[in-house]
């Protein structure tokens, strides 16, 4: 269930089977690689708009509203943000499309979803499409019990998913990795759609387990 009350209409690709669904593409035959999101186009969800300026940045922050508020998680008042975290339970659905996470904010979110039975964060359906992770994104050991989307997400530093468990679709379409990405030891019934870009200057590719990937230098 997403923040607007609807459940994502996305489904596992029709060719997916239990295990890992693999797409192999190359830069030459992957036209979608040249279709990045356009920051000048408003997102298709109610967005924060923080910092918007009519002449220079009419869109502002693209982060989706936290339910019941008119700001994204990054731009909520600290007390309101704390109340949101306190209301989360392990296994809850989260929707933070377009939100910018520094390491502290991501750590606080995952701490609120910490499941003492597995001693790790546990998420239900998780929407991080178009999110930006400005610091190291540490999802190692987390359990994603629903569908997980990092489509068009930007990882400005290392992305760590080692030993994570994915029980639904894990989509990283058009995600941009500026450093390295580790998926060593992931488990679960994983449908991994991986069509990714490697940021200019990066020398290490995302390491998806037995999955196909595509990369391009912008």
C-alpha atoms as a PDB file:
ATOM      1  CA  UNK A   1       0.000   0.000   0.000  1.00  0.00           C
ATOM      2  CA  UNK A   2       1.409   3.343  -1.010  1.00  0.00           C
ATOM      3  CA  UNK A   3       1.083   6.707   0.725  1.00  0.00           C
ATOM      4  CA  UNK A   4      -1.851   7.762  -1.472  1.00  0.00           C
ATOM      5  CA  UNK A   5      -3.840   4.704  -0.430  1.00  0.00           C
ATOM      6  CA  UNK A   6      -3.293   2.719  -3.601  1.00  0.00           C
ATOM      7  CA  UNK A   7      -1.284  -0.432  -4.133  1.00  0.00           C
ATOM      8  CA  UNK A   8       1.375  -0.356  -6.785  1.00  0.00           C
ATOM      9  CA  UNK A   9       0.059  -1.640 -10.092  1.00  0.00           C
ATOM     10  CA  UNK A  10       3.487  -2.913 -11.030  1.00  0.00           C
ATOM     11  CA  UNK A  11       3.786  -6.647 -11.205  1.00  0.00           C
ATOM     12  CA  UNK A  12       6.619  -9.067 -11.760  1.00  0.00           C
ATOM     13  CA  UNK A  13       7.545  -9.309 -15.447  1.00  0.00           C
ATOM     14  CA  UNK A  14       5.599 -12.034 -17.281  1.00  0.00           C
ATOM     15  CA  UNK A  15       8.776 -14.016 -17.933  1.00  0.00           C
ATOM     16  CA  UNK A  16       9.703 -14.056 -14.264  1.00  0.00           C
ATOM     17  CA  UNK A  17       9.815 -17.346 -12.400  1.00  0.00           C
ATOM     18  CA  UNK A  18      10.664 -18.185  -8.833  1.00  0.00           C
ATOM     19  CA  UNK A  19      14.267 -17.257  -8.333  1.00  0.00           C
ATOM     20  CA  UNK A  20      16.015 -14.492 -10.238  1.00  0.00           C
ATOM     21  CA  UNK A  21      14.624 -12.967 -13.391  1.00  0.00           C
ATOM     22  CA  UNK A  22      17.472 -11.756 -15.525  1.00  0.00           C
ATOM     23  CA  UNK A  23      17.502  -9.205 -18.327  1.00  0.00           C
ATOM     24  CA  UNK A  24      20.675  -8.806 -20.310  1.00  0.00           C
ATOM     25  CA  UNK A  25      20.980  -5.588 -22.226  1.00  0.00           C
ATOM     26  CA  UNK A  26      23.910  -3.719 -23.666  1.00  0.00           C
ATOM     27  CA  UNK A  27      24.390  -0.039 -24.135  1.00  0.00           C
ATOM     28  CA  UNK A  28      23.916  -0.429 -27.877  1.00  0.00           C
ATOM     29  CA  UNK A  29      20.523  -2.151 -27.771  1.00  0.00           C
ATOM     30  CA  UNK A  30      18.983  -0.525 -24.721  1.00  0.00           C
ATOM     31  CA  UNK A  31      17.144   2.625 -25.869  1.00  0.00           C
ATOM     32  CA  UNK A  32      15.703   3.233 -22.433  1.00  0.00           C
ATOM     33  CA  UNK A  33      19.228   4.031 -21.269  1.00  0.00           C
ATOM     34  CA  UNK A  34      18.906   7.348 -23.054  1.00  0.00           C
ATOM     35  CA  UNK A  35      15.617   8.232 -21.427  1.00  0.00           C
ATOM     36  CA  UNK A  36      16.491   9.513 -17.950  1.00  0.00           C
ATOM     37  CA  UNK A  37      13.914  11.249 -15.810  1.00  0.00           C
ATOM     38  CA  UNK A  38      13.557  14.954 -16.500  1.00  0.00           C
ATOM     39  CA  UNK A  39      13.834  17.060 -13.312  1.00  0.00           C
ATOM     40  CA  UNK A  40      11.803  19.832 -14.964  1.00  0.00           C
ATOM     41  CA  UNK A  41       8.764  17.547 -15.145  1.00  0.00           C
ATOM     42  CA  UNK A  42       6.656  17.288 -11.966  1.00  0.00           C
ATOM     43  CA  UNK A  43       6.463  13.793 -10.490  1.00  0.00           C
ATOM     44  CA  UNK A  44       3.168  11.945 -10.672  1.00  0.00           C
ATOM     45  CA  UNK A  45       2.679  12.022  -6.905  1.00  0.00           C
ATOM     46  CA  UNK A  46       1.962  14.880  -4.463  1.00  0.00           C
ATOM     47  CA  UNK A  47       5.430  16.283  -3.926  1.00  0.00           C
ATOM     48  CA  UNK A  48       7.083  18.406  -1.290  1.00  0.00           C
ATOM     49  CA  UNK A  49       8.124  21.372  -3.431  1.00  0.00           C
ATOM     50  CA  UNK A  50      10.560  22.621  -0.804  1.00  0.00           C
ATOM     51  CA  UNK A  51      12.953  25.180  -2.280  1.00  0.00           C
ATOM     52  CA  UNK A  52      10.875  25.774  -5.402  1.00  0.00           C
ATOM     53  CA  UNK A  53      11.504  29.060  -7.229  1.00  0.00           C
ATOM     54  CA  UNK A  54       9.375  30.096 -10.232  1.00  0.00           C
ATOM     55  CA  UNK A  55      12.287  31.102 -12.438  1.00  0.00           C
ATOM     56  CA  UNK A  56      15.045  28.702 -11.436  1.00  0.00           C
ATOM     57  CA  UNK A  57      13.359  25.608  -9.991  1.00  0.00           C
ATOM     58  CA  UNK A  58       9.583  25.503 -10.388  1.00  0.00           C
ATOM     59  CA  UNK A  59       9.354  21.932  -9.095  1.00  0.00           C
ATOM     60  CA  UNK A  60      11.460  22.063  -5.939  1.00  0.00           C
ATOM     61  CA  UNK A  61      11.870  18.943  -3.847  1.00  0.00           C
ATOM     62  CA  UNK A  62      10.362  15.921  -5.569  1.00  0.00           C
ATOM     63  CA  UNK A  63       9.843  13.924  -2.379  1.00  0.00           C
ATOM     64  CA  UNK A  64       6.378  12.481  -1.867  1.00  0.00           C
ATOM     65  CA  UNK A  65       4.297  13.798   1.022  1.00  0.00           C
ATOM     66  CA  UNK A  66       4.482  11.838   4.238  1.00  0.00           C
ATOM     67  CA  UNK A  67       0.893  10.677   4.883  1.00  0.00           C
ATOM     68  CA  UNK A  68      -1.088  13.415   6.561  1.00  0.00           C
ATOM     69  CA  UNK A  69       1.479  16.116   5.800  1.00  0.00           C
ATOM     70  CA  UNK A  70       2.524  18.382   2.947  1.00  0.00           C
ATOM     71  CA  UNK A  71       6.266  17.753   3.136  1.00  0.00           C
ATOM     72  CA  UNK A  72       8.517  14.808   2.367  1.00  0.00           C
ATOM     73  CA  UNK A  73      10.361  12.915   5.071  1.00  0.00           C
ATOM     74  CA  UNK A  74      13.512  14.993   4.603  1.00  0.00           C
ATOM     75  CA  UNK A  75      11.683  18.304   5.068  1.00  0.00           C
ATOM     76  CA  UNK A  76       9.326  17.455   7.917  1.00  0.00           C
ATOM     77  CA  UNK A  77       9.825  19.342  11.157  1.00  0.00           C
ATOM     78  CA  UNK A  78      11.986  17.204  13.461  1.00  0.00           C
ATOM     79  CA  UNK A  79       9.205  16.596  15.973  1.00  0.00           C
ATOM     80  CA  UNK A  80       6.763  15.550  13.259  1.00  0.00           C
ATOM     81  CA  UNK A  81       9.360  13.306  11.700  1.00  0.00           C
ATOM     82  CA  UNK A  82       9.976  11.679  15.060  1.00  0.00           C
ATOM     83  CA  UNK A  83       6.263  11.025  15.471  1.00  0.00           C
ATOM     84  CA  UNK A  84       6.198   9.387  12.052  1.00  0.00           C
ATOM     85  CA  UNK A  85       9.083   7.112  12.986  1.00  0.00           C
ATOM     86  CA  UNK A  86       7.429   6.220  16.294  1.00  0.00           C
ATOM     87  CA  UNK A  87       4.315   5.130  14.417  1.00  0.00           C
ATOM     88  CA  UNK A  88       6.164   2.653  12.207  1.00  0.00           C
ATOM     89  CA  UNK A  89       6.255  -1.074  12.899  1.00  0.00           C
ATOM     90  CA  UNK A  90       8.475  -3.755  11.362  1.00  0.00           C
ATOM     91  CA  UNK A  91       6.991  -4.933   8.084  1.00  0.00           C
ATOM     92  CA  UNK A  92       5.119  -1.691   7.370  1.00  0.00           C
ATOM     93  CA  UNK A  93       4.836  -0.397   3.813  1.00  0.00           C
ATOM     94  CA  UNK A  94       6.837   2.754   3.139  1.00  0.00           C
ATOM     95  CA  UNK A  95       6.642   5.183   0.242  1.00  0.00           C
ATOM     96  CA  UNK A  96       9.430   7.743  -0.041  1.00  0.00           C
ATOM     97  CA  UNK A  97       9.586   8.322  -3.772  1.00  0.00           C
ATOM     98  CA  UNK A  98      11.703  11.294  -4.786  1.00  0.00           C
ATOM     99  CA  UNK A  99      13.029  11.851  -1.262  1.00  0.00           C
ATOM    100  CA  UNK A 100      16.651  12.732  -0.558  1.00  0.00           C
ATOM    101  CA  UNK A 101      18.221  10.612   2.168  1.00  0.00           C
ATOM    102  CA  UNK A 102      21.453  11.411   3.918  1.00  0.00           C
ATOM    103  CA  UNK A 103      22.944   8.627   6.013  1.00  0.00           C
ATOM    104  CA  UNK A 104      21.343   9.851   9.232  1.00  0.00           C
ATOM    105  CA  UNK A 105      17.832   9.994   7.786  1.00  0.00           C
ATOM    106  CA  UNK A 106      18.080   6.537   6.227  1.00  0.00           C
ATOM    107  CA  UNK A 107      19.502   5.116   9.443  1.00  0.00           C
ATOM    108  CA  UNK A 108      16.594   6.581  11.421  1.00  0.00           C
ATOM    109  CA  UNK A 109      14.019   5.158   9.003  1.00  0.00           C
ATOM    110  CA  UNK A 110      15.523   1.675   9.092  1.00  0.00           C
ATOM    111  CA  UNK A 111      15.848   1.826  12.888  1.00  0.00           C
ATOM    112  CA  UNK A 112      12.103   2.523  13.105  1.00  0.00           C
ATOM    113  CA  UNK A 113      11.496  -0.623  11.042  1.00  0.00           C
ATOM    114  CA  UNK A 114      13.910  -2.788  13.019  1.00  0.00           C
ATOM    115  CA  UNK A 115      12.547  -6.255  13.776  1.00  0.00           C
ATOM    116  CA  UNK A 116      14.017  -7.697  16.947  1.00  0.00           C
ATOM    117  CA  UNK A 117      13.210 -11.243  15.799  1.00  0.00           C
ATOM    118  CA  UNK A 118      15.650 -10.986  12.905  1.00  0.00           C
ATOM    119  CA  UNK A 119      17.788  -8.173  14.360  1.00  0.00           C
ATOM    120  CA  UNK A 120      17.471  -6.213  11.132  1.00  0.00           C
ATOM    121  CA  UNK A 121      15.047  -3.862   9.393  1.00  0.00           C
ATOM    122  CA  UNK A 122      11.916  -5.406   7.906  1.00  0.00           C
ATOM    123  CA  UNK A 123       9.946  -3.542   5.240  1.00  0.00           C
ATOM    124  CA  UNK A 124       6.702  -4.401   3.468  1.00  0.00           C
ATOM    125  CA  UNK A 125       6.126  -2.797   0.069  1.00  0.00           C
ATOM    126  CA  UNK A 126       8.920  -0.255  -0.262  1.00  0.00           C
ATOM    127  CA  UNK A 127       8.888   2.608  -2.794  1.00  0.00           C
ATOM    128  CA  UNK A 128      12.159   4.488  -3.230  1.00  0.00           C
ATOM    129  CA  UNK A 129      11.778   5.367  -6.913  1.00  0.00           C
ATOM    130  CA  UNK A 130      13.621   8.599  -7.816  1.00  0.00           C
ATOM    131  CA  UNK A 131      15.025   8.793  -4.286  1.00  0.00           C
ATOM    132  CA  UNK A 132      18.535  10.156  -3.870  1.00  0.00           C
ATOM    133  CA  UNK A 133      20.930   8.631  -1.352  1.00  0.00           C
ATOM    134  CA  UNK A 134      23.610  11.230  -0.712  1.00  0.00           C
ATOM    135  CA  UNK A 135      25.618   9.052   1.654  1.00  0.00           C
ATOM    136  CA  UNK A 136      26.257   5.336   1.887  1.00  0.00           C
ATOM    137  CA  UNK A 137      22.943   3.481   1.521  1.00  0.00           C
ATOM    138  CA  UNK A 138      23.111   0.647   4.046  1.00  0.00           C
ATOM    139  CA  UNK A 139      20.364  -1.907   3.460  1.00  0.00           C
ATOM    140  CA  UNK A 140      22.544  -4.910   4.290  1.00  0.00           C
ATOM    141  CA  UNK A 141      20.610  -7.642   6.106  1.00  0.00           C
ATOM    142  CA  UNK A 142      17.233  -5.972   5.600  1.00  0.00           C
ATOM    143  CA  UNK A 143      14.168  -8.025   4.727  1.00  0.00           C
ATOM    144  CA  UNK A 144      11.908  -6.666   1.983  1.00  0.00           C
ATOM    145  CA  UNK A 145       8.750  -8.717   2.418  1.00  0.00           C
ATOM    146  CA  UNK A 146       6.779  -6.990  -0.347  1.00  0.00           C
ATOM    147  CA  UNK A 147       7.680  -5.422  -3.674  1.00  0.00           C
ATOM    148  CA  UNK A 148      10.647  -3.056  -3.665  1.00  0.00           C
ATOM    149  CA  UNK A 149      11.293  -0.266  -6.147  1.00  0.00           C
ATOM    150  CA  UNK A 150      14.455   1.791  -6.600  1.00  0.00           C
ATOM    151  CA  UNK A 151      13.639   2.806 -10.179  1.00  0.00           C
ATOM    152  CA  UNK A 152      15.482   5.994 -11.192  1.00  0.00           C
ATOM    153  CA  UNK A 153      17.062   6.164  -7.746  1.00  0.00           C
ATOM    154  CA  UNK A 154      20.490   7.786  -7.425  1.00  0.00           C
ATOM    155  CA  UNK A 155      23.148   6.330  -5.141  1.00  0.00           C
ATOM    156  CA  UNK A 156      25.850   8.958  -4.722  1.00  0.00           C
ATOM    157  CA  UNK A 157      28.014   6.684  -2.634  1.00  0.00           C
ATOM    158  CA  UNK A 158      28.233   2.953  -1.975  1.00  0.00           C
ATOM    159  CA  UNK A 159      24.972   0.979  -2.039  1.00  0.00           C
ATOM    160  CA  UNK A 160      25.027  -1.962   0.361  1.00  0.00           C
ATOM    161  CA  UNK A 161      22.398  -4.708  -0.013  1.00  0.00           C
ATOM    162  CA  UNK A 162      24.529  -7.692   1.010  1.00  0.00           C
ATOM    163  CA  UNK A 163      22.615 -10.463   2.837  1.00  0.00           C
ATOM    164  CA  UNK A 164      19.296  -8.712   2.203  1.00  0.00           C
ATOM    165  CA  UNK A 165      16.175 -10.824   1.669  1.00  0.00           C
ATOM    166  CA  UNK A 166      13.791  -9.911  -1.155  1.00  0.00           C
ATOM    167  CA  UNK A 167      10.464 -11.742  -1.126  1.00  0.00           C
ATOM    168  CA  UNK A 168       8.899  -9.886  -4.044  1.00  0.00           C
ATOM    169  CA  UNK A 169       9.940  -7.903  -7.078  1.00  0.00           C
ATOM    170  CA  UNK A 170      13.105  -5.855  -6.615  1.00  0.00           C
ATOM    171  CA  UNK A 171      13.245  -3.189  -9.318  1.00  0.00           C
ATOM    172  CA  UNK A 172      16.326  -1.057  -9.939  1.00  0.00           C
ATOM    173  CA  UNK A 173      15.437   0.132 -13.431  1.00  0.00           C
ATOM    174  CA  UNK A 174      17.542   3.107 -14.511  1.00  0.00           C
ATOM    175  CA  UNK A 175      19.082   3.435 -11.050  1.00  0.00           C
ATOM    176  CA  UNK A 176      22.378   5.341 -11.083  1.00  0.00           C
ATOM    177  CA  UNK A 177      25.297   4.040  -9.040  1.00  0.00           C
ATOM    178  CA  UNK A 178      28.122   6.527  -8.535  1.00  0.00           C
ATOM    179  CA  UNK A 179      30.319   4.130  -6.582  1.00  0.00           C
ATOM    180  CA  UNK A 180      29.930   0.387  -6.057  1.00  0.00           C
ATOM    181  CA  UNK A 181      26.852  -1.678  -5.231  1.00  0.00           C
ATOM    182  CA  UNK A 182      27.020  -4.913  -3.273  1.00  0.00           C
ATOM    183  CA  UNK A 183      24.350  -7.632  -3.492  1.00  0.00           C
ATOM    184  CA  UNK A 184      26.444 -10.505  -2.179  1.00  0.00           C
ATOM    185  CA  UNK A 185      24.444 -13.172  -0.369  1.00  0.00           C
ATOM    186  CA  UNK A 186      20.942 -11.848  -1.129  1.00  0.00           C
ATOM    187  CA  UNK A 187      18.177 -14.402  -0.710  1.00  0.00           C
ATOM    188  CA  UNK A 188      14.452 -14.920  -1.100  1.00  0.00           C
ATOM    189  CA  UNK A 189      12.096 -15.283  -4.035  1.00  0.00           C
ATOM    190  CA  UNK A 190      13.757 -12.537  -6.027  1.00  0.00           C
ATOM    191  CA  UNK A 191      12.654 -11.040  -9.316  1.00  0.00           C
ATOM    192  CA  UNK A 192      15.488  -8.623  -9.996  1.00  0.00           C
ATOM    193  CA  UNK A 193      14.935  -6.143 -12.787  1.00  0.00           C
ATOM    194  CA  UNK A 194      18.253  -4.420 -13.208  1.00  0.00           C
ATOM    195  CA  UNK A 195      18.682  -1.824 -15.924  1.00  0.00           C
ATOM    196  CA  UNK A 196      21.165   0.546 -14.429  1.00  0.00           C
ATOM    197  CA  UNK A 197      23.544   3.381 -15.206  1.00  0.00           C
ATOM    198  CA  UNK A 198      27.062   3.805 -13.985  1.00  0.00           C
ATOM    199  CA  UNK A 199      27.789   7.424 -13.205  1.00  0.00           C
ATOM    200  CA  UNK A 200      30.634   9.175 -14.973  1.00  0.00           C
ATOM    201  CA  UNK A 201      33.910   8.596 -13.187  1.00  0.00           C
ATOM    202  CA  UNK A 202      32.820   5.415 -11.459  1.00  0.00           C
ATOM    203  CA  UNK A 203      34.965   2.385 -12.172  1.00  0.00           C
ATOM    204  CA  UNK A 204      32.989  -0.336 -10.411  1.00  0.00           C
ATOM    205  CA  UNK A 205      29.784  -1.885 -11.705  1.00  0.00           C
ATOM    206  CA  UNK A 206      26.837  -2.908  -9.535  1.00  0.00           C
ATOM    207  CA  UNK A 207      27.274  -6.536  -8.611  1.00  0.00           C
ATOM    208  CA  UNK A 208      23.899  -8.192  -9.041  1.00  0.00           C
ATOM    209  CA  UNK A 209      23.787 -11.895  -8.200  1.00  0.00           C
ATOM    210  CA  UNK A 210      23.453 -13.830 -11.446  1.00  0.00           C
ATOM    211  CA  UNK A 211      21.248 -11.073 -12.816  1.00  0.00           C
ATOM    212  CA  UNK A 212      21.639  -9.157 -16.033  1.00  0.00           C
ATOM    213  CA  UNK A 213      22.334  -5.468 -15.974  1.00  0.00           C
ATOM    214  CA  UNK A 214      22.976  -2.583 -18.255  1.00  0.00           C
ATOM    215  CA  UNK A 215      25.057   0.466 -17.604  1.00  0.00           C
ATOM    216  CA  UNK A 216      25.910   3.643 -19.364  1.00  0.00           C
ATOM    217  CA  UNK A 217      28.077   6.661 -18.712  1.00  0.00           C
ATOM    218  CA  UNK A 218      25.886   9.791 -18.815  1.00  0.00           C
END
